[in-house]
PDB file of N, CA and C in Angstrom:
ATOM      1  N   MET A   1       4.492  17.738  -1.428  1.00  0.00           N
ATOM      2  CA  MET A   1       2.998  16.998  -1.531  1.00  0.00           C
ATOM      3  C   MET A   1       3.881  15.514  -1.008  1.00  0.00           C
ATOM      4  N   ILE A   2       2.392  14.613  -0.630  1.00  0.00           N
ATOM      5  CA  ILE A   2       2.935  13.465  -0.047  1.00  0.00           C
ATOM      6  C   ILE A   2       2.270  12.644  -0.929  1.00  0.00           C
ATOM      7  N   ILE A   3       3.263  11.718  -1.638  1.00  0.00           N
ATOM      8  CA  ILE A   3       1.884  10.835  -2.392  1.00  0.00           C
ATOM      9  C   ILE A   3       1.998   9.425  -1.670  1.00  0.00           C
ATOM     10  N   TYR A   4       1.010   8.556  -1.576  1.00  0.00           N
ATOM     11  CA  TYR A   4       0.303   7.192  -1.500  1.00  0.00           C
ATOM     12  C   TYR A   4      -0.080   6.149  -2.202  1.00  0.00           C
ATOM     13  N   THR A   5       0.861   4.632  -1.894  1.00  0.00           N
ATOM     14  CA  THR A   5       1.292   3.891  -2.918  1.00  0.00           C
ATOM     15  C   THR A   5       1.334   2.645  -3.076  1.00  0.00           C
ATOM     16  N   ILE A   6       0.615   1.388  -3.481  1.00  0.00           N
ATOM     17  CA  ILE A   6      -0.176   0.202  -3.217  1.00  0.00           C
ATOM     18  C   ILE A   6       1.314   0.388  -4.151  1.00  0.00           C
ATOM     19  N   ASP A   7       2.348  -0.814  -3.460  1.00  0.00           N
ATOM     20  CA  ASP A   7       3.775  -1.341  -4.567  1.00  0.00           C
ATOM     21  C   ASP A   7       3.826  -2.706  -5.001  1.00  0.00           C
ATOM     22  N   LEU A   8       3.677  -3.313  -5.859  1.00  0.00           N
ATOM     23  CA  LEU A   8       4.139  -4.900  -6.191  1.00  0.00           C
ATOM     24  C   LEU A   8       5.084  -4.745  -7.424  1.00  0.00           C
ATOM     25  N   PHE A   9       6.086  -5.952  -6.204  1.00  0.00           N
ATOM     26  CA  PHE A   9       7.636  -5.892  -6.627  1.00  0.00           C
ATOM     27  C   PHE A   9       7.055  -7.461  -6.948  1.00  0.00           C
ATOM     28  N   ASP A  10       8.237  -7.274  -7.916  1.00  0.00           N
ATOM     29  CA  ASP A  10       8.095  -9.568  -9.044  1.00  0.00           C
ATOM     30  C   ASP A  10       9.173  -9.790  -7.261  1.00  0.00           C
ATOM     31  N   LYS A  11       8.825 -11.344  -6.900  1.00  0.00           N
ATOM     32  CA  LYS A  11       8.801 -12.307  -5.811  1.00  0.00           C
ATOM     33  C   LYS A  11      11.188 -12.356  -6.770  1.00  0.00           C
ATOM     34  N   GLN A  12      10.622 -13.150  -7.659  1.00  0.00           N
ATOM     35  CA  GLN A  12      12.010 -13.212  -8.491  1.00  0.00           C
ATOM     36  C   GLN A  12      13.057 -12.043  -8.162  1.00  0.00           C
ATOM     37  N   THR A  13      12.775 -11.243  -9.216  1.00  0.00           N
ATOM     38  CA  THR A  13      13.302 -10.341  -9.886  1.00  0.00           C
ATOM     39  C   THR A  13      13.769  -9.057  -9.087  1.00  0.00           C
ATOM     40  N   GLU A  14      12.848  -8.583  -7.454  1.00  0.00           N
ATOM     41  CA  GLU A  14      12.348  -7.632  -7.197  1.00  0.00           C
ATOM     42  C   GLU A  14      12.239  -6.122  -7.938  1.00  0.00           C
ATOM     43  N   ASP A  15      12.169  -6.599  -8.972  1.00  0.00           N
ATOM     44  CA  ASP A  15      11.837  -5.248  -9.552  1.00  0.00           C
ATOM     45  C   ASP A  15       9.766  -4.660  -9.323  1.00  0.00           C
ATOM     46  N   LEU A  16      10.266  -3.129  -9.484  1.00  0.00           N
ATOM     47  CA  LEU A  16       9.486  -2.424  -9.133  1.00  0.00           C
ATOM     48  C   LEU A  16       7.921  -3.178 -11.024  1.00  0.00           C
ATOM     49  N   ILE A  17       6.956  -4.093 -10.204  1.00  0.00           N
ATOM     50  CA  ILE A  17       6.080  -4.294 -11.318  1.00  0.00           C
ATOM     51  C   ILE A  17       4.878  -3.150 -11.905  1.00  0.00           C
ATOM     52  N   LEU A  18       5.047  -2.805 -10.164  1.00  0.00           N
ATOM     53  CA  LEU A  18       3.550  -1.913 -10.475  1.00  0.00           C
ATOM     54  C   LEU A  18       3.262  -1.638  -9.486  1.00  0.00           C
ATOM     55  N   GLU A  19       2.546   0.386  -9.764  1.00  0.00           N
ATOM     56  CA  GLU A  19       2.476   0.911  -8.350  1.00  0.00           C
ATOM     57  C   GLU A  19       1.060   1.494  -8.283  1.00  0.00           C
ATOM     58  N   VAL A  20       0.487   1.738  -7.787  1.00  0.00           N
ATOM     59  CA  VAL A  20      -0.319   2.348  -7.783  1.00  0.00           C
ATOM     60  C   VAL A  20      -0.935   3.517  -6.403  1.00  0.00           C
ATOM     61  N   ASN A  21      -1.595   4.383  -7.010  1.00  0.00           N
ATOM     62  CA  ASN A  21      -1.610   5.406  -6.772  1.00  0.00           C
ATOM     63  C   ASN A  21      -2.526   6.266  -5.601  1.00  0.00           C
ATOM     64  N   ILE A  22      -2.630   5.532  -4.425  1.00  0.00           N
ATOM     65  CA  ILE A  22      -4.103   5.347  -3.153  1.00  0.00           C
ATOM     66  C   ILE A  22      -4.713   7.401  -3.147  1.00  0.00           C
ATOM     67  N   PRO A  23      -5.708   7.406  -3.416  1.00  0.00           N
ATOM     68  CA  PRO A  23      -6.603   9.089  -3.028  1.00  0.00           C
ATOM     69  C   PRO A  23      -6.457   8.869  -1.945  1.00  0.00           C
ATOM     70  N   LYS A  24      -5.978  10.141  -1.332  1.00  0.00           N
ATOM     71  CA  LYS A  24      -6.278  10.990   0.562  1.00  0.00           C
ATOM     72  C   LYS A  24      -7.768   9.830   1.116  1.00  0.00           C
ATOM     73  N   LYS A  25      -8.734  10.009  -0.217  1.00  0.00           N
ATOM     74  CA  LYS A  25     -10.125   9.627   1.277  1.00  0.00           C
ATOM     75  C   LYS A  25     -10.423   8.175   1.058  1.00  0.00           C
ATOM     76  N   LYS A  26      -8.842   7.470   0.502  1.00  0.00           N
ATOM     77  CA  LYS A  26      -9.569   6.040   0.738  1.00  0.00           C
ATOM     78  C   LYS A  26      -7.787   5.248   2.058  1.00  0.00           C
ATOM     79  N   LEU A  27      -8.177   6.453   2.848  1.00  0.00           N
ATOM     80  CA  LEU A  27      -6.849   6.177   3.783  1.00  0.00           C
ATOM     81  C   LEU A  27      -7.250   5.637   5.053  1.00  0.00           C
ATOM     82  N   ASP A  28      -8.469   6.067   5.389  1.00  0.00           N
ATOM     83  CA  ASP A  28      -9.258   5.624   6.452  1.00  0.00           C
ATOM     84  C   ASP A  28      -9.307   4.351   6.473  1.00  0.00           C
ATOM     85  N   PRO A  29      -9.593   3.566   4.970  1.00  0.00           N
ATOM     86  CA  PRO A  29     -10.459   2.493   4.947  1.00  0.00           C
ATOM     87  C   PRO A  29      -9.160   1.034   5.037  1.00  0.00           C
ATOM     88  N   ILE A  30      -8.373   1.973   4.307  1.00  0.00           N
ATOM     89  CA  ILE A  30      -6.880   1.384   3.797  1.00  0.00           C
ATOM     90  C   ILE A  30      -6.750   1.613   5.772  1.00  0.00           C
ATOM     91  N   SER A  31      -6.252   2.228   6.289  1.00  0.00           N
ATOM     92  CA  SER A  31      -5.828   1.917   7.834  1.00  0.00           C
ATOM     93  C   SER A  31      -6.686   1.028   8.370  1.00  0.00           C
ATOM     94  N   LYS A  32      -7.678   0.809   8.629  1.00  0.00           N
ATOM     95  CA  LYS A  32      -9.436  -0.460   9.619  1.00  0.00           C
ATOM     96  C   LYS A  32      -8.114  -1.371   8.337  1.00  0.00           C
ATOM     97  N   ILE A  33      -8.048  -1.675   7.892  1.00  0.00           N
ATOM     98  CA  ILE A  33      -7.657  -3.229   6.647  1.00  0.00           C
ATOM     99  C   ILE A  33      -6.810  -3.816   7.071  1.00  0.00           C
ATOM    100  N   MET A  34      -5.005  -2.517   6.832  1.00  0.00           N
ATOM    101  CA  MET A  34      -3.586  -2.699   7.534  1.00  0.00           C
ATOM    102  C   MET A  34      -3.558  -3.423   9.158  1.00  0.00           C
ATOM    103  N   GLY A  35      -4.555  -2.655   9.790  1.00  0.00           N
ATOM    104  CA  GLY A  35      -4.702  -2.474  11.216  1.00  0.00           C
ATOM    105  C   GLY A  35      -3.795  -2.442  11.423  1.00  0.00           C
ATOM    106  N   TRP A  36      -3.346  -1.001  11.556  1.00  0.00           N
ATOM    107  CA  TRP A  36      -3.047   0.133  11.790  1.00  0.00           C
ATOM    108  C   TRP A  36      -3.189   1.109  12.971  1.00  0.00           C
ATOM    109  N   ASP A  37      -2.136   1.538  14.411  1.00  0.00           N
ATOM    110  CA  ASP A  37      -2.431   2.223  15.193  1.00  0.00           C
ATOM    111  C   ASP A  37      -2.826   3.548  15.319  1.00  0.00           C
ATOM    112  N   GLU A  38      -3.743   3.762  16.107  1.00  0.00           N
ATOM    113  CA  GLU A  38      -2.833   6.141  15.444  1.00  0.00           C
ATOM    114  C   GLU A  38      -1.209   6.145  15.418  1.00  0.00           C
ATOM    115  N   GLU A  39      -0.413   5.928  15.378  1.00  0.00           N
ATOM    116  CA  GLU A  39       0.864   6.703  15.418  1.00  0.00           C
ATOM    117  C   GLU A  39       1.812   5.797  14.241  1.00  0.00           C
ATOM    118  N   ASP A  40       1.023   4.033  13.335  1.00  0.00           N
ATOM    119  CA  ASP A  40       1.138   3.197  12.337  1.00  0.00           C
ATOM    120  C   ASP A  40       0.470   4.729  11.670  1.00  0.00           C
ATOM    121  N   LYS A  41      -0.670   4.799  11.625  1.00  0.00           N
ATOM    122  CA  LYS A  41      -1.257   5.455  11.197  1.00  0.00           C
ATOM    123  C   LYS A  41      -0.833   6.631  10.362  1.00  0.00           C
ATOM    124  N   MET A  42      -0.749   7.548  11.206  1.00  0.00           N
ATOM    125  CA  MET A  42       0.006   8.741  10.978  1.00  0.00           C
ATOM    126  C   MET A  42       1.640   9.342  10.595  1.00  0.00           C
ATOM    127  N   ASP A  43       1.916   7.660  10.861  1.00  0.00           N
ATOM    128  CA  ASP A  43       3.418   7.664  10.124  1.00  0.00           C
ATOM    129  C   ASP A  43       3.478   8.173   9.078  1.00  0.00           C
ATOM    130  N   PHE A  44       2.274   6.540   8.607  1.00  0.00           N
ATOM    131  CA  PHE A  44       1.008   7.149   6.917  1.00  0.00           C
ATOM    132  C   PHE A  44       1.593   8.199   5.988  1.00  0.00           C
ATOM    133  N   ILE A  45       0.592   8.577   6.894  1.00  0.00           N
ATOM    134  CA  ILE A  45      -0.250  10.064   5.853  1.00  0.00           C
ATOM    135  C   ILE A  45       1.016  11.423   5.755  1.00  0.00           C
ATOM    136  N   ASN A  46       2.183  10.753   7.718  1.00  0.00           N
ATOM    137  CA  ASN A  46       2.831  11.971   6.682  1.00  0.00           C
ATOM    138  C   ASN A  46       4.743  11.476   6.378  1.00  0.00           C
ATOM    139  N   GLY A  47       3.678  10.803   5.331  1.00  0.00           N
ATOM    140  CA  GLY A  47       4.652   9.669   4.604  1.00  0.00           C
ATOM    141  C   GLY A  47       6.986   9.468   5.198  1.00  0.00           C
ATOM    142  N   VAL A  48       7.133   9.174   6.238  1.00  0.00           N
ATOM    143  CA  VAL A  48       7.447   8.159   7.042  1.00  0.00           C
ATOM    144  C   VAL A  48       7.724   6.621   7.160  1.00  0.00           C
ATOM    145  N   ALA A  49       6.565   6.258   6.129  1.00  0.00           N
ATOM    146  CA  ALA A  49       6.123   4.417   6.720  1.00  0.00           C
ATOM    147  C   ALA A  49       6.191   3.688   5.288  1.00  0.00           C
ATOM    148  N   VAL A  50       7.064   2.821   5.361  1.00  0.00           N
ATOM    149  CA  VAL A  50       7.011   1.386   4.359  1.00  0.00           C
ATOM    150  C   VAL A  50       5.900   0.051   4.809  1.00  0.00           C
ATOM    151  N   PHE A  51       4.833  -0.738   4.588  1.00  0.00           N
ATOM    152  CA  PHE A  51       4.209  -1.091   5.589  1.00  0.00           C
ATOM    153  C   PHE A  51       3.997  -2.173   4.288  1.00  0.00           C
ATOM    154  N   ASN A  52       4.243  -3.538   5.221  1.00  0.00           N
ATOM    155  CA  ASN A  52       4.613  -5.058   4.113  1.00  0.00           C
ATOM    156  C   ASN A  52       3.041  -5.189   4.445  1.00  0.00           C
ATOM    157  N   VAL A  53       2.369  -5.769   2.835  1.00  0.00           N
ATOM    158  CA  VAL A  53       1.122  -5.972   2.629  1.00  0.00           C
ATOM    159  C   VAL A  53       0.850  -7.205   3.115  1.00  0.00           C
ATOM    160  N   ASN A  54      -0.124  -8.182   3.254  1.00  0.00           N
ATOM    161  CA  ASN A  54      -0.366  -9.620   3.842  1.00  0.00           C
ATOM    162  C   ASN A  54      -1.297  -9.737   2.585  1.00  0.00           C
ATOM    163  N   LYS A  55      -1.238 -11.773   2.333  1.00  0.00           N
ATOM    164  CA  LYS A  55      -3.010 -12.127   1.621  1.00  0.00           C
ATOM    165  C   LYS A  55      -4.328 -11.678   2.315  1.00  0.00           C
ATOM    166  N   VAL A  56      -4.537 -11.472   3.603  1.00  0.00           N
ATOM    167  CA  VAL A  56      -6.293 -11.243   3.503  1.00  0.00           C
ATOM    168  C   VAL A  56      -6.068  -9.899   3.064  1.00  0.00           C
ATOM    169  N   GLN A  57      -4.869  -8.995   3.824  1.00  0.00           N
ATOM    170  CA  GLN A  57      -4.660  -7.669   3.721  1.00  0.00           C
ATOM    171  C   GLN A  57      -5.088  -6.790   1.745  1.00  0.00           C
ATOM    172  N   ALA A  58      -4.508  -7.990   1.080  1.00  0.00           N
ATOM    173  CA  ALA A  58      -4.288  -8.143  -0.165  1.00  0.00           C
ATOM    174  C   ALA A  58      -5.741  -8.198  -1.217  1.00  0.00           C
ATOM    175  N   ALA A  59      -5.805  -8.916   0.110  1.00  0.00           N
ATOM    176  CA  ALA A  59      -7.699  -9.387  -0.708  1.00  0.00           C
ATOM    177  C   ALA A  59      -8.337  -8.434  -0.705  1.00  0.00           C
ATOM    178  N   SER A  60      -8.627  -7.640   0.252  1.00  0.00           N
ATOM    179  CA  SER A  60      -9.387  -6.735   1.386  1.00  0.00           C
ATOM    180  C   SER A  60      -9.056  -5.644   0.425  1.00  0.00           C
ATOM    181  N   LEU A  61      -7.334  -5.180   0.277  1.00  0.00           N
ATOM    182  CA  LEU A  61      -7.265  -3.918  -0.366  1.00  0.00           C
ATOM    183  C   LEU A  61      -8.179  -3.973  -2.147  1.00  0.00           C
ATOM    184  N   GLY A  62      -7.684  -5.115  -2.331  1.00  0.00           N
ATOM    185  CA  GLY A  62      -8.445  -5.958  -4.395  1.00  0.00           C
ATOM    186  C   GLY A  62      -9.755  -5.439  -3.776  1.00  0.00           C
ATOM    187  N   ILE A  63     -10.285  -5.957  -2.808  1.00  0.00           N
ATOM    188  CA  ILE A  63     -11.827  -5.629  -3.386  1.00  0.00           C
ATOM    189  C   ILE A  63     -12.509  -3.734  -3.015  1.00  0.00           C
ATOM    190  N   LEU A  64     -11.569  -2.599  -2.361  1.00  0.00           N
ATOM    191  CA  LEU A  64     -11.391  -1.763  -2.080  1.00  0.00           C
ATOM    192  C   LEU A  64     -10.768  -1.066  -4.078  1.00  0.00           C
ATOM    193  N   PHE A  65     -10.385  -1.405  -4.391  1.00  0.00           N
ATOM    194  CA  PHE A  65      -9.480  -1.091  -5.125  1.00  0.00           C
ATOM    195  C   PHE A  65     -10.080  -1.498  -7.005  1.00  0.00           C
ATOM    196  N   GLU A  66     -11.221  -1.989  -6.530  1.00  0.00           N
ATOM    197  CA  GLU A  66     -11.664  -3.190  -7.526  1.00  0.00           C
ATOM    198  C   GLU A  66     -10.918  -3.692  -7.965  1.00  0.00           C
ATOM    199  N   THR A  67      -9.955  -4.768  -7.479  1.00  0.00           N
ATOM    200  CA  THR A  67      -8.525  -5.230  -8.854  1.00  0.00           C
ATOM    201  C   THR A  67      -8.330  -6.746  -7.823  1.00  0.00           C
ATOM    202  N   ILE A  68      -7.560  -7.338  -8.813  1.00  0.00           N
ATOM    203  CA  ILE A  68      -6.722  -8.743  -7.794  1.00  0.00           C
ATOM    204  C   ILE A  68      -5.388  -7.905  -7.655  1.00  0.00           C
ATOM    205  N   PHE A  69      -4.698  -8.075  -6.311  1.00  0.00           N
ATOM    206  CA  PHE A  69      -3.409  -8.127  -5.309  1.00  0.00           C
ATOM    207  C   PHE A  69      -3.016  -9.213  -5.186  1.00  0.00           C
ATOM    208  N   ASP A  70      -2.140 -10.190  -6.318  1.00  0.00           N
ATOM    209  CA  ASP A  70      -2.304 -12.096  -6.396  1.00  0.00           C
ATOM    210  C   ASP A  70      -0.532 -11.220  -5.566  1.00  0.00           C
ATOM    211  N   THR A  71      -0.572 -11.894  -4.732  1.00  0.00           N
ATOM    212  CA  THR A  71       0.388 -12.428  -3.214  1.00  0.00           C
ATOM    213  C   THR A  71       1.207 -13.313  -3.991  1.00  0.00           C
ATOM    214  N   ASP A  72       0.737 -14.540  -4.898  1.00  0.00           N
ATOM    215  CA  ASP A  72       1.372 -15.509  -4.946  1.00  0.00           C
ATOM    216  C   ASP A  72       2.988 -15.326  -5.766  1.00  0.00           C
ATOM    217  N   ASN A  73       2.521 -14.004  -6.698  1.00  0.00           N
ATOM    218  CA  ASN A  73       3.876 -14.028  -7.377  1.00  0.00           C
ATOM    219  C   ASN A  73       4.786 -12.942  -7.031  1.00  0.00           C
ATOM    220  N   TYR A  74       4.391 -11.187  -6.116  1.00  0.00           N
ATOM    221  CA  TYR A  74       4.303 -10.390  -5.987  1.00  0.00           C
ATOM    222  C   TYR A  74       4.667 -10.162  -3.747  1.00  0.00           C
ATOM    223  N   VAL A  75       5.172  -9.315  -3.907  1.00  0.00           N
ATOM    224  CA  VAL A  75       5.937  -8.897  -2.630  1.00  0.00           C
ATOM    225  C   VAL A  75       4.856  -7.339  -2.996  1.00  0.00           C
ATOM    226  N   ILE A  76       3.740  -6.847  -2.121  1.00  0.00           N
ATOM    227  CA  ILE A  76       3.524  -6.204  -1.940  1.00  0.00           C
ATOM    228  C   ILE A  76       3.722  -4.971  -0.362  1.00  0.00           C
ATOM    229  N   GLN A  77       3.189  -3.404  -0.389  1.00  0.00           N
ATOM    230  CA  GLN A  77       3.612  -2.757   0.150  1.00  0.00           C
ATOM    231  C   GLN A  77       2.441  -1.946   0.591  1.00  0.00           C
ATOM    232  N   MET A  78       3.092  -1.047   0.849  1.00  0.00           N
ATOM    233  CA  MET A  78       2.765   0.462   1.225  1.00  0.00           C
ATOM    234  C   MET A  78       2.675   1.632   1.344  1.00  0.00           C
ATOM    235  N   SER A  79       3.580   2.490   0.570  1.00  0.00           N
ATOM    236  CA  SER A  79       4.032   3.438   0.252  1.00  0.00           C
ATOM    237  C   SER A  79       4.329   4.944   0.918  1.00  0.00           C
ATOM    238  N   ALA A  80       4.413   5.968   1.186  1.00  0.00           N
ATOM    239  CA  ALA A  80       4.672   7.039   1.364  1.00  0.00           C
ATOM    240  C   ALA A  80       5.891   8.245   0.912  1.00  0.00           C
ATOM    241  N   GLY A  81       5.768   8.867   0.703  1.00  0.00           N
ATOM    242  CA  GLY A  81       6.343  10.080   0.874  1.00  0.00           C
ATOM    243  C   GLY A  81       6.879  11.245  -0.128  1.00  0.00           C
ATOM    244  N   GLU A  82       7.317  11.537  -0.240  1.00  0.00           N
ATOM    245  CA  GLU A  82       7.384  12.837  -1.047  1.00  0.00           C
ATOM    246  C   GLU A  82       7.596  12.399  -2.403  1.00  0.00           C
ATOM    247  N   ASP A  83       6.497  13.224  -3.685  1.00  0.00           N
ATOM    248  CA  ASP A  83       6.668  13.351  -5.061  1.00  0.00           C
ATOM    249  C   ASP A  83       7.487  14.300  -4.901  1.00  0.00           C
ATOM    250  N   ASN A  84       8.451  13.879  -5.502  1.00  0.00           N
ATOM    251  CA  ASN A  84       9.738  14.980  -6.522  1.00  0.00           C
ATOM    252  C   ASN A  84       9.629  15.051  -7.797  1.00  0.00           C
ATOM    253  N   ASP A  85       8.145  15.448  -8.277  1.00  0.00           N
ATOM    254  CA  ASP A  85       7.990  15.742  -9.520  1.00  0.00           C
ATOM    255  C   ASP A  85       7.839  17.000  -9.489  1.00  0.00           C
TER     256      ASP A  85
END
């Protein structure tokens, strides 16, 4: 099973601070926010892609997830991969 997450890494230590699970139903709006073409979207859906999130994208994702993604202190990435549990 493929899981989709938004990952926040501390800019100083590079430690993973927070991992937000992405429900499949939000993949289409996320694709639009990220500006993915069809190939990027399919790579993400198939679990073979990681994307950096910029400040504008983080603000839009924050609205979608009803939270704040702080780009000043954290590196934010979207990732997809196999669930090893």
